[in-house]
PDB file of N, CA and C in Angstrom:
ATOM      1  N   MET A   1      14.858   8.907  -0.039  1.00  0.00           N
ATOM      2  CA  MET A   1      14.023   9.220   1.100  1.00  0.00           C
ATOM      3  C   MET A   1      13.500   7.907   1.685  1.00  0.00           C
ATOM      4  N   GLU A   2      13.585   7.787   2.980  1.00  0.00           N
ATOM      5  CA  GLU A   2      13.070   6.592   3.651  1.00  0.00           C
ATOM      6  C   GLU A   2      11.858   6.988   4.487  1.00  0.00           C
ATOM      7  N   LEU A   3      10.752   6.303   4.278  1.00  0.00           N
ATOM      8  CA  LEU A   3       9.508   6.566   4.996  1.00  0.00           C
ATOM      9  C   LEU A   3       9.091   5.316   5.746  1.00  0.00           C
ATOM     10  N   VAL A   4       8.386   5.492   6.844  1.00  0.00           N
ATOM     11  CA  VAL A   4       7.891   4.358   7.627  1.00  0.00           C
ATOM     12  C   VAL A   4       6.374   4.453   7.681  1.00  0.00           C
ATOM     13  N   PHE A   5       5.705   3.373   7.291  1.00  0.00           N
ATOM     14  CA  PHE A   5       4.252   3.301   7.311  1.00  0.00           C
ATOM     15  C   PHE A   5       3.808   2.116   8.161  1.00  0.00           C
ATOM     16  N   THR A   6       2.566   2.134   8.557  1.00  0.00           N
ATOM     17  CA  THR A   6       1.972   1.045   9.327  1.00  0.00           C
ATOM     18  C   THR A   6       1.793  -0.182   8.436  1.00  0.00           C
ATOM     19  N   ALA A   7       2.043  -1.355   8.989  1.00  0.00           N
ATOM     20  CA  ALA A   7       1.780  -2.616   8.294  1.00  0.00           C
ATOM     21  C   ALA A   7       0.937  -3.484   9.219  1.00  0.00           C
ATOM     22  N   ILE A   8      -0.233  -3.889   8.743  1.00  0.00           N
ATOM     23  CA  ILE A   8      -1.141  -4.737   9.513  1.00  0.00           C
ATOM     24  C   ILE A   8      -1.159  -6.109   8.849  1.00  0.00           C
ATOM     25  N   PHE A   9      -0.901  -7.148   9.630  1.00  0.00           N
ATOM     26  CA  PHE A   9      -0.853  -8.510   9.106  1.00  0.00           C
ATOM     27  C   PHE A   9      -2.004  -9.321   9.678  1.00  0.00           C
ATOM     28  N   LYS A  10      -2.571 -10.182   8.823  1.00  0.00           N
ATOM     29  CA  LYS A  10      -3.675 -11.040   9.250  1.00  0.00           C
ATOM     30  C   LYS A  10      -3.438 -12.444   8.701  1.00  0.00           C
ATOM     31  N   LYS A  11      -3.519 -13.428   9.583  1.00  0.00           N
ATOM     32  CA  LYS A  11      -3.412 -14.818   9.139  1.00  0.00           C
ATOM     33  C   LYS A  11      -4.739 -15.198   8.486  1.00  0.00           C
ATOM     34  N   GLU A  12      -4.675 -15.713   7.283  1.00  0.00           N
ATOM     35  CA  GLU A  12      -5.880 -16.061   6.536  1.00  0.00           C
ATOM     36  C   GLU A  12      -6.277 -17.509   6.790  1.00  0.00           C
ATOM     37  N   ALA A  13      -7.569 -17.756   6.877  1.00  0.00           N
ATOM     38  CA  ALA A  13      -8.086 -19.095   7.170  1.00  0.00           C
ATOM     39  C   ALA A  13      -7.644 -20.117   6.127  1.00  0.00           C
ATOM     40  N   GLU A  14      -7.559 -19.698   4.872  1.00  0.00           N
ATOM     41  CA  GLU A  14      -7.175 -20.628   3.807  1.00  0.00           C
ATOM     42  C   GLU A  14      -5.665 -20.775   3.667  1.00  0.00           C
ATOM     43  N   GLY A  15      -4.928 -20.115   4.550  1.00  0.00           N
ATOM     44  CA  GLY A  15      -3.470 -20.203   4.546  1.00  0.00           C
ATOM     45  C   GLY A  15      -2.834 -18.904   4.105  1.00  0.00           C
ATOM     46  N   GLY A  16      -1.638 -18.689   4.534  1.00  0.00           N
ATOM     47  CA  GLY A  16      -0.914 -17.480   4.183  1.00  0.00           C
ATOM     48  C   GLY A  16      -1.326 -16.299   5.040  1.00  0.00           C
ATOM     49  N   TYR A  17      -0.817 -15.140   4.658  1.00  0.00           N
ATOM     50  CA  TYR A  17      -1.042 -13.908   5.411  1.00  0.00           C
ATOM     51  C   TYR A  17      -1.371 -12.771   4.454  1.00  0.00           C
ATOM     52  N   SER A  18      -2.283 -11.903   4.871  1.00  0.00           N
ATOM     53  CA  SER A  18      -2.527 -10.670   4.137  1.00  0.00           C
ATOM     54  C   SER A  18      -1.827  -9.547   4.888  1.00  0.00           C
ATOM     55  N   ALA A  19      -1.464  -8.508   4.158  1.00  0.00           N
ATOM     56  CA  ALA A  19      -0.772  -7.357   4.743  1.00  0.00           C
ATOM     57  C   ALA A  19      -1.398  -6.095   4.174  1.00  0.00           C
ATOM     58  N   PHE A  20      -1.601  -5.084   5.035  1.00  0.00           N
ATOM     59  CA  PHE A  20      -2.280  -3.861   4.626  1.00  0.00           C
ATOM     60  C   PHE A  20      -1.563  -2.646   5.188  1.00  0.00           C
ATOM     61  N   CYS A  21      -1.395  -1.631   4.370  1.00  0.00           N
ATOM     62  CA  CYS A  21      -0.837  -0.341   4.788  1.00  0.00           C
ATOM     63  C   CYS A  21      -1.976   0.674   4.763  1.00  0.00           C
ATOM     64  N   PRO A  22      -2.540   1.020   5.923  1.00  0.00           N
ATOM     65  CA  PRO A  22      -3.707   1.908   5.940  1.00  0.00           C
ATOM     66  C   PRO A  22      -3.422   3.333   5.469  1.00  0.00           C
ATOM     67  N   GLU A  23      -2.214   3.832   5.674  1.00  0.00           N
ATOM     68  CA  GLU A  23      -1.905   5.191   5.239  1.00  0.00           C
ATOM     69  C   GLU A  23      -1.999   5.347   3.723  1.00  0.00           C
ATOM     70  N   LEU A  24      -1.624   4.301   3.001  1.00  0.00           N
ATOM     71  CA  LEU A  24      -1.631   4.357   1.541  1.00  0.00           C
ATOM     72  C   LEU A  24      -2.802   3.604   0.927  1.00  0.00           C
ATOM     73  N   GLY A  25      -3.473   2.777   1.717  1.00  0.00           N
ATOM     74  CA  GLY A  25      -4.552   1.961   1.176  1.00  0.00           C
ATOM     75  C   GLY A  25      -4.033   0.854   0.273  1.00  0.00           C
ATOM     76  N   VAL A  26      -2.836   0.357   0.566  1.00  0.00           N
ATOM     77  CA  VAL A  26      -2.172  -0.665  -0.249  1.00  0.00           C
ATOM     78  C   VAL A  26      -2.194  -1.992   0.501  1.00  0.00           C
ATOM     79  N   ALA A  27      -2.462  -3.072  -0.231  1.00  0.00           N
ATOM     80  CA  ALA A  27      -2.505  -4.402   0.378  1.00  0.00           C
ATOM     81  C   ALA A  27      -1.703  -5.385  -0.464  1.00  0.00           C
ATOM     82  N   SER A  28      -1.288  -6.478   0.173  1.00  0.00           N
ATOM     83  CA  SER A  28      -0.593  -7.563  -0.502  1.00  0.00           C
ATOM     84  C   SER A  28      -0.772  -8.822   0.330  1.00  0.00           C
ATOM     85  N   GLN A  29      -0.071  -9.879  -0.044  1.00  0.00           N
ATOM     86  CA  GLN A  29      -0.185 -11.138   0.686  1.00  0.00           C
ATOM     87  C   GLN A  29       1.073 -11.956   0.470  1.00  0.00           C
ATOM     88  N   GLY A  30       1.181 -13.038   1.244  1.00  0.00           N
ATOM     89  CA  GLY A  30       2.302 -13.953   1.112  1.00  0.00           C
ATOM     90  C   GLY A  30       2.047 -15.213   1.902  1.00  0.00           C
ATOM     91  N   GLU A  31       2.828 -16.228   1.641  1.00  0.00           N
ATOM     92  CA  GLU A  31       2.680 -17.501   2.352  1.00  0.00           C
ATOM     93  C   GLU A  31       3.140 -17.394   3.803  1.00  0.00           C
ATOM     94  N   THR A  32       4.107 -16.512   4.079  1.00  0.00           N
ATOM     95  CA  THR A  32       4.608 -16.285   5.437  1.00  0.00           C
ATOM     96  C   THR A  32       4.475 -14.797   5.756  1.00  0.00           C
ATOM     97  N   VAL A  33       4.608 -14.453   7.034  1.00  0.00           N
ATOM     98  CA  VAL A  33       4.577 -13.034   7.415  1.00  0.00           C
ATOM     99  C   VAL A  33       5.709 -12.288   6.714  1.00  0.00           C
ATOM    100  N   GLU A  34       6.875 -12.905   6.648  1.00  0.00           N
ATOM    101  CA  GLU A  34       8.033 -12.269   6.014  1.00  0.00           C
ATOM    102  C   GLU A  34       7.779 -12.013   4.525  1.00  0.00           C
ATOM    103  N   GLU A  35       7.174 -12.980   3.846  1.00  0.00           N
ATOM    104  CA  GLU A  35       6.863 -12.810   2.425  1.00  0.00           C
ATOM    105  C   GLU A  35       5.785 -11.741   2.238  1.00  0.00           C
ATOM    106  N   ALA A  36       4.775 -11.747   3.100  1.00  0.00           N
ATOM    107  CA  ALA A  36       3.726 -10.726   3.027  1.00  0.00           C
ATOM    108  C   ALA A  36       4.316  -9.335   3.254  1.00  0.00           C
ATOM    109  N   GLU A  37       5.248  -9.229   4.202  1.00  0.00           N
ATOM    110  CA  GLU A  37       5.898  -7.940   4.475  1.00  0.00           C
ATOM    111  C   GLU A  37       6.710  -7.474   3.269  1.00  0.00           C
ATOM    112  N   ALA A  38       7.475  -8.376   2.674  1.00  0.00           N
ATOM    113  CA  ALA A  38       8.285  -8.022   1.505  1.00  0.00           C
ATOM    114  C   ALA A  38       7.391  -7.604   0.338  1.00  0.00           C
ATOM    115  N   ASN A  39       6.288  -8.325   0.138  1.00  0.00           N
ATOM    116  CA  ASN A  39       5.364  -7.993  -0.943  1.00  0.00           C
ATOM    117  C   ASN A  39       4.664  -6.662  -0.690  1.00  0.00           C
ATOM    118  N   LEU A  40       4.314  -6.382   0.578  1.00  0.00           N
ATOM    119  CA  LEU A  40       3.688  -5.103   0.913  1.00  0.00           C
ATOM    120  C   LEU A  40       4.676  -3.961   0.690  1.00  0.00           C
ATOM    121  N   LYS A  41       5.916  -4.156   1.083  1.00  0.00           N
ATOM    122  CA  LYS A  41       6.944  -3.129   0.869  1.00  0.00           C
ATOM    123  C   LYS A  41       7.066  -2.815  -0.617  1.00  0.00           C
ATOM    124  N   GLU A  42       7.114  -3.854  -1.442  1.00  0.00           N
ATOM    125  CA  GLU A  42       7.219  -3.651  -2.886  1.00  0.00           C
ATOM    126  C   GLU A  42       5.987  -2.929  -3.428  1.00  0.00           C
ATOM    127  N   ALA A  43       4.792  -3.319  -2.963  1.00  0.00           N
ATOM    128  CA  ALA A  43       3.556  -2.677  -3.420  1.00  0.00           C
ATOM    129  C   ALA A  43       3.523  -1.202  -3.026  1.00  0.00           C
ATOM    130  N   CYS A  44       3.952  -0.886  -1.808  1.00  0.00           N
ATOM    131  CA  CYS A  44       3.998   0.511  -1.352  1.00  0.00           C
ATOM    132  C   CYS A  44       4.996   1.317  -2.176  1.00  0.00           C
ATOM    133  N   GLU A  45       6.154   0.728  -2.447  1.00  0.00           N
ATOM    134  CA  GLU A  45       7.164   1.421  -3.244  1.00  0.00           C
ATOM    135  C   GLU A  45       6.657   1.690  -4.656  1.00  0.00           C
ATOM    136  N   LEU A  46       5.973   0.713  -5.257  1.00  0.00           N
ATOM    137  CA  LEU A  46       5.418   0.903  -6.597  1.00  0.00           C
ATOM    138  C   LEU A  46       4.342   1.983  -6.593  1.00  0.00           C
ATOM    139  N   TYR A  47       3.501   1.987  -5.564  1.00  0.00           N
ATOM    140  CA  TYR A  47       2.460   3.007  -5.430  1.00  0.00           C
ATOM    141  C   TYR A  47       3.088   4.401  -5.353  1.00  0.00           C
ATOM    142  N   LEU A  48       4.107   4.540  -4.507  1.00  0.00           N
ATOM    143  CA  LEU A  48       4.747   5.841  -4.331  1.00  0.00           C
ATOM    144  C   LEU A  48       5.540   6.263  -5.568  1.00  0.00           C
ATOM    145  N   GLU A  49       6.165   5.307  -6.262  1.00  0.00           N
ATOM    146  CA  GLU A  49       6.869   5.621  -7.509  1.00  0.00           C
ATOM    147  C   GLU A  49       5.887   6.120  -8.558  1.00  0.00           C
ATOM    148  N   SER A  50       4.720   5.475  -8.645  1.00  0.00           N
ATOM    149  CA  SER A  50       3.688   5.912  -9.588  1.00  0.00           C
ATOM    150  C   SER A  50       3.188   7.303  -9.235  1.00  0.00           C
ATOM    151  N   ALA A  51       2.989   7.552  -7.942  1.00  0.00           N
ATOM    152  CA  ALA A  51       2.546   8.871  -7.494  1.00  0.00           C
ATOM    153  C   ALA A  51       3.578   9.936  -7.861  1.00  0.00           C
ATOM    154  N   LYS A  52       4.854   9.600  -7.716  1.00  0.00           N
ATOM    155  CA  LYS A  52       5.922  10.544  -8.064  1.00  0.00           C
ATOM    156  C   LYS A  52       5.901  10.843  -9.558  1.00  0.00           C
ATOM    157  N   GLU A  53       5.751   9.797 -10.383  1.00  0.00           N
ATOM    158  CA  GLU A  53       5.701   9.973 -11.836  1.00  0.00           C
ATOM    159  C   GLU A  53       4.508  10.828 -12.250  1.00  0.00           C
ATOM    160  N   LEU A  54       3.399  10.705 -11.530  1.00  0.00           N
ATOM    161  CA  LEU A  54       2.194  11.476 -11.835  1.00  0.00           C
ATOM    162  C   LEU A  54       2.221  12.878 -11.229  1.00  0.00           C
ATOM    163  N   GLY A  55       3.250  13.169 -10.443  1.00  0.00           N
ATOM    164  CA  GLY A  55       3.386  14.483  -9.837  1.00  0.00           C
ATOM    165  C   GLY A  55       2.493  14.719  -8.636  1.00  0.00           C
ATOM    166  N   ILE A  56       2.050  13.642  -7.973  1.00  0.00           N
ATOM    167  CA  ILE A  56       1.138  13.794  -6.832  1.00  0.00           C
ATOM    168  C   ILE A  56       1.717  13.242  -5.531  1.00  0.00           C
ATOM    169  N   LEU A  57       2.983  12.876  -5.538  1.00  0.00           N
ATOM    170  CA  LEU A  57       3.598  12.314  -4.329  1.00  0.00           C
ATOM    171  C   LEU A  57       3.566  13.306  -3.172  1.00  0.00           C
ATOM    172  N   ASP A  58       3.921  14.553  -3.430  1.00  0.00           N
ATOM    173  CA  ASP A  58       3.923  15.552  -2.353  1.00  0.00           C
ATOM    174  C   ASP A  58       2.534  15.706  -1.745  1.00  0.00           C
ATOM    175  N   LYS A  59       1.511  15.687  -2.585  1.00  0.00           N
ATOM    176  CA  LYS A  59       0.130  15.816  -2.092  1.00  0.00           C
ATOM    177  C   LYS A  59      -0.219  14.649  -1.170  1.00  0.00           C
ATOM    178  N   ILE A  60       0.141  13.449  -1.564  1.00  0.00           N
ATOM    179  CA  ILE A  60      -0.143  12.268  -0.744  1.00  0.00           C
ATOM    180  C   ILE A  60       0.555  12.382   0.610  1.00  0.00           C
ATOM    181  N   LEU A  61       1.832  12.718   0.591  1.00  0.00           N
ATOM    182  CA  LEU A  61       2.595  12.812   1.841  1.00  0.00           C
ATOM    183  C   LEU A  61       2.086  13.944   2.730  1.00  0.00           C
ATOM    184  N   GLU A  62       1.676  15.063   2.131  1.00  0.00           N
ATOM    185  CA  GLU A  62       1.112  16.170   2.908  1.00  0.00           C
ATOM    186  C   GLU A  62      -0.195  15.758   3.583  1.00  0.00           C
ATOM    187  N   GLU A  63      -1.050  15.033   2.856  1.00  0.00           N
ATOM    188  CA  GLU A  63      -2.329  14.596   3.418  1.00  0.00           C
ATOM    189  C   GLU A  63      -2.122  13.630   4.578  1.00  0.00           C
ATOM    190  N   ILE A  64      -1.155  12.747   4.441  1.00  0.00           N
ATOM    191  CA  ILE A  64      -0.863  11.808   5.526  1.00  0.00           C
ATOM    192  C   ILE A  64      -0.347  12.573   6.739  1.00  0.00           C
ATOM    193  N   ALA A  65       0.580  13.505   6.518  1.00  0.00           N
ATOM    194  CA  ALA A  65       1.153  14.276   7.624  1.00  0.00           C
ATOM    195  C   ALA A  65       0.105  15.163   8.292  1.00  0.00           C
ATOM    196  N   ALA A  66      -0.752  15.782   7.515  1.00  0.00           N
ATOM    197  CA  ALA A  66      -1.763  16.697   8.059  1.00  0.00           C
ATOM    198  C   ALA A  66      -2.841  15.958   8.832  1.00  0.00           C
ATOM    199  N   GLY A  67      -3.234  14.800   8.318  1.00  0.00           N
ATOM    200  CA  GLY A  67      -4.318  14.061   8.950  1.00  0.00           C
ATOM    201  C   GLY A  67      -3.848  13.049   9.958  1.00  0.00           C
ATOM    202  N   GLY A  68      -2.564  12.764   9.946  1.00  0.00           N
ATOM    203  CA  GLY A  68      -2.029  11.775  10.866  1.00  0.00           C
ATOM    204  C   GLY A  68      -2.555  10.383  10.609  1.00  0.00           C
ATOM    205  N   GLY A  69      -3.084  10.158   9.434  1.00  0.00           N
ATOM    206  CA  GLY A  69      -3.647   8.842   9.147  1.00  0.00           C
ATOM    207  C   GLY A  69      -3.745   8.602   7.666  1.00  0.00           C
ATOM    208  N   GLU A  70      -4.867   8.068   7.275  1.00  0.00           N
ATOM    209  CA  GLU A  70      -5.075   7.623   5.911  1.00  0.00           C
ATOM    210  C   GLU A  70      -5.139   8.787   4.930  1.00  0.00           C
ATOM    211  N   ALA A  71      -4.469   8.645   3.819  1.00  0.00           N
ATOM    212  CA  ALA A  71      -4.536   9.646   2.765  1.00  0.00           C
ATOM    213  C   ALA A  71      -5.814   9.452   1.960  1.00  0.00           C
ATOM    214  N   THR A  72      -6.304  10.537   1.391  1.00  0.00           N
ATOM    215  CA  THR A  72      -7.433  10.434   0.476  1.00  0.00           C
ATOM    216  C   THR A  72      -6.945   9.714  -0.768  1.00  0.00           C
ATOM    217  N   PRO A  73      -7.667   8.701  -1.226  1.00  0.00           N
ATOM    218  CA  PRO A  73      -7.208   7.999  -2.424  1.00  0.00           C
ATOM    219  C   PRO A  73      -7.114   8.952  -3.611  1.00  0.00           C
ATOM    220  N   VAL A  74      -5.976   8.967  -4.267  1.00  0.00           N
ATOM    221  CA  VAL A  74      -5.797   9.842  -5.413  1.00  0.00           C
ATOM    222  C   VAL A  74      -5.375   9.072  -6.659  1.00  0.00           C
ATOM    223  N   LEU A  75      -5.104   7.799  -6.527  1.00  0.00           N
ATOM    224  CA  LEU A  75      -4.770   6.973  -7.683  1.00  0.00           C
ATOM    225  C   LEU A  75      -5.932   6.033  -7.940  1.00  0.00           C
ATOM    226  N   THR A  76      -6.530   6.150  -9.095  1.00  0.00           N
ATOM    227  CA  THR A  76      -7.625   5.256  -9.445  1.00  0.00           C
ATOM    228  C   THR A  76      -7.325   4.650 -10.799  1.00  0.00           C
ATOM    229  N   GLY A  77      -7.982   3.587 -11.097  1.00  0.00           N
ATOM    230  CA  GLY A  77      -7.770   2.936 -12.371  1.00  0.00           C
ATOM    231  C   GLY A  77      -8.866   1.933 -12.624  1.00  0.00           C
ATOM    232  N   SER A  78      -8.656   1.095 -13.594  1.00  0.00           N
ATOM    233  CA  SER A  78      -9.638   0.072 -13.911  1.00  0.00           C
ATOM    234  C   SER A  78      -8.913  -1.238 -14.175  1.00  0.00           C
ATOM    235  N   VAL A  79      -9.670  -2.291 -14.129  1.00  0.00           N
ATOM    236  CA  VAL A  79      -9.120  -3.611 -14.403  1.00  0.00           C
ATOM    237  C   VAL A  79     -10.054  -4.310 -15.380  1.00  0.00           C
ATOM    238  N   LYS A  80      -9.475  -4.913 -16.393  1.00  0.00           N
ATOM    239  CA  LYS A  80     -10.261  -5.628 -17.392  1.00  0.00           C
ATOM    240  C   LYS A  80     -10.301  -7.098 -16.995  1.00  0.00           C
ATOM    241  N   VAL A  81     -11.499  -7.663 -16.923  1.00  0.00           N
ATOM    242  CA  VAL A  81     -11.648  -9.066 -16.542  1.00  0.00           C
ATOM    243  C   VAL A  81     -12.426  -9.812 -17.608  1.00  0.00           C
ATOM    244  N   LYS A  82     -12.176 -11.095 -17.713  1.00  0.00           N
ATOM    245  CA  LYS A  82     -12.905 -11.969 -18.630  1.00  0.00           C
ATOM    246  C   LYS A  82     -13.731 -12.941 -17.821  1.00  0.00           C
ATOM    247  N   ILE A  83     -14.960 -13.143 -18.232  1.00  0.00           N
ATOM    248  CA  ILE A  83     -15.787 -14.166 -17.575  1.00  0.00           C
ATOM    249  C   ILE A  83     -16.366 -15.088 -18.620  1.00  0.00           C
TER     250      ILE A  83
END
């Protein structure tokens, strides 16, 4: 299945570019626009693969289609940090 989502790119003051997909709430970055786009594509694919494995992909796609915009976040997690 091939899907098309919005990609928003922003040039960062410290260099490089950030990329954001508002429909999925997924972000990435890269040194060039092309690298940021490739990294965002990979991040979106990983997000959707995880959603499929968890059995919630259909729900995400239905919410996007019904609302015509951002899906309600349904994947949450935690990150362990050391200080």
